[in-house]
Amino acid sequence: MSYTDVDTQHLSIRSDEDVVRLRQCVRELMIAAGFSLLEQTRMITAASELARNTLRYGGGGEAHVRRLLTGSRKGIGLAFIDQGPGIADIDLALTDGYTTGGGMGVGLSGAKRLADEFDIESAPGQGTTVQISKWKSF
C-alpha cells in the first residue's frame, strides 16, 4: 500500500460504545471524501466486523482511522490492532464459516471482500493487526 497518510485518528476499542463511535467516525470521513452510500455502507460494515473481532477475540485494542491520498486517488484506511492471543492459521481464519467464538465465521472474510485492500499480520501470542482501505478516484 503506497500512499500519503493525510491524518490519523486513534480510537480505543474497549466496549460496544467504542464500536459505535468508530462506525460514526468512518461514516463522517467517507461522506467528507465523497464516497457513495453503497461504498460507505461496505466500509462501515467491514469496520464494524473488524472492531468487534478486536473486542471479542483480541480483548480490546485500538483502531487507526486515516485519510489517504495518492496522485489520483483518495481513500480511507483503517487499522485494527490488538495484543490478544493472535491467530495461528490466518488462511483458516479467512475461510467462510470458520470461527473460534461461536459466531457465523464471516467477519474477517467478509471484511476482506468489502475492502479494496486487506492485510493481516498475526502470530500466536503476538496479537493481530488488520488493515483495510477503500479508494475513490478523483
Foldseek 3Di string as FASTA:
>chain_A
DDWDWPDKDKFWLQDPVSLVVVLVVLLVVCVVQPHDPLLSVLQSLLSSLLSVCCVPQQVIDMKMWTWTHDPFKIKIKMKRWGQRQWDADVVQLLDQQDDPPPDRSCNNVSSCVSFPDWDKDTHGRGTIMIMGMHMDGD
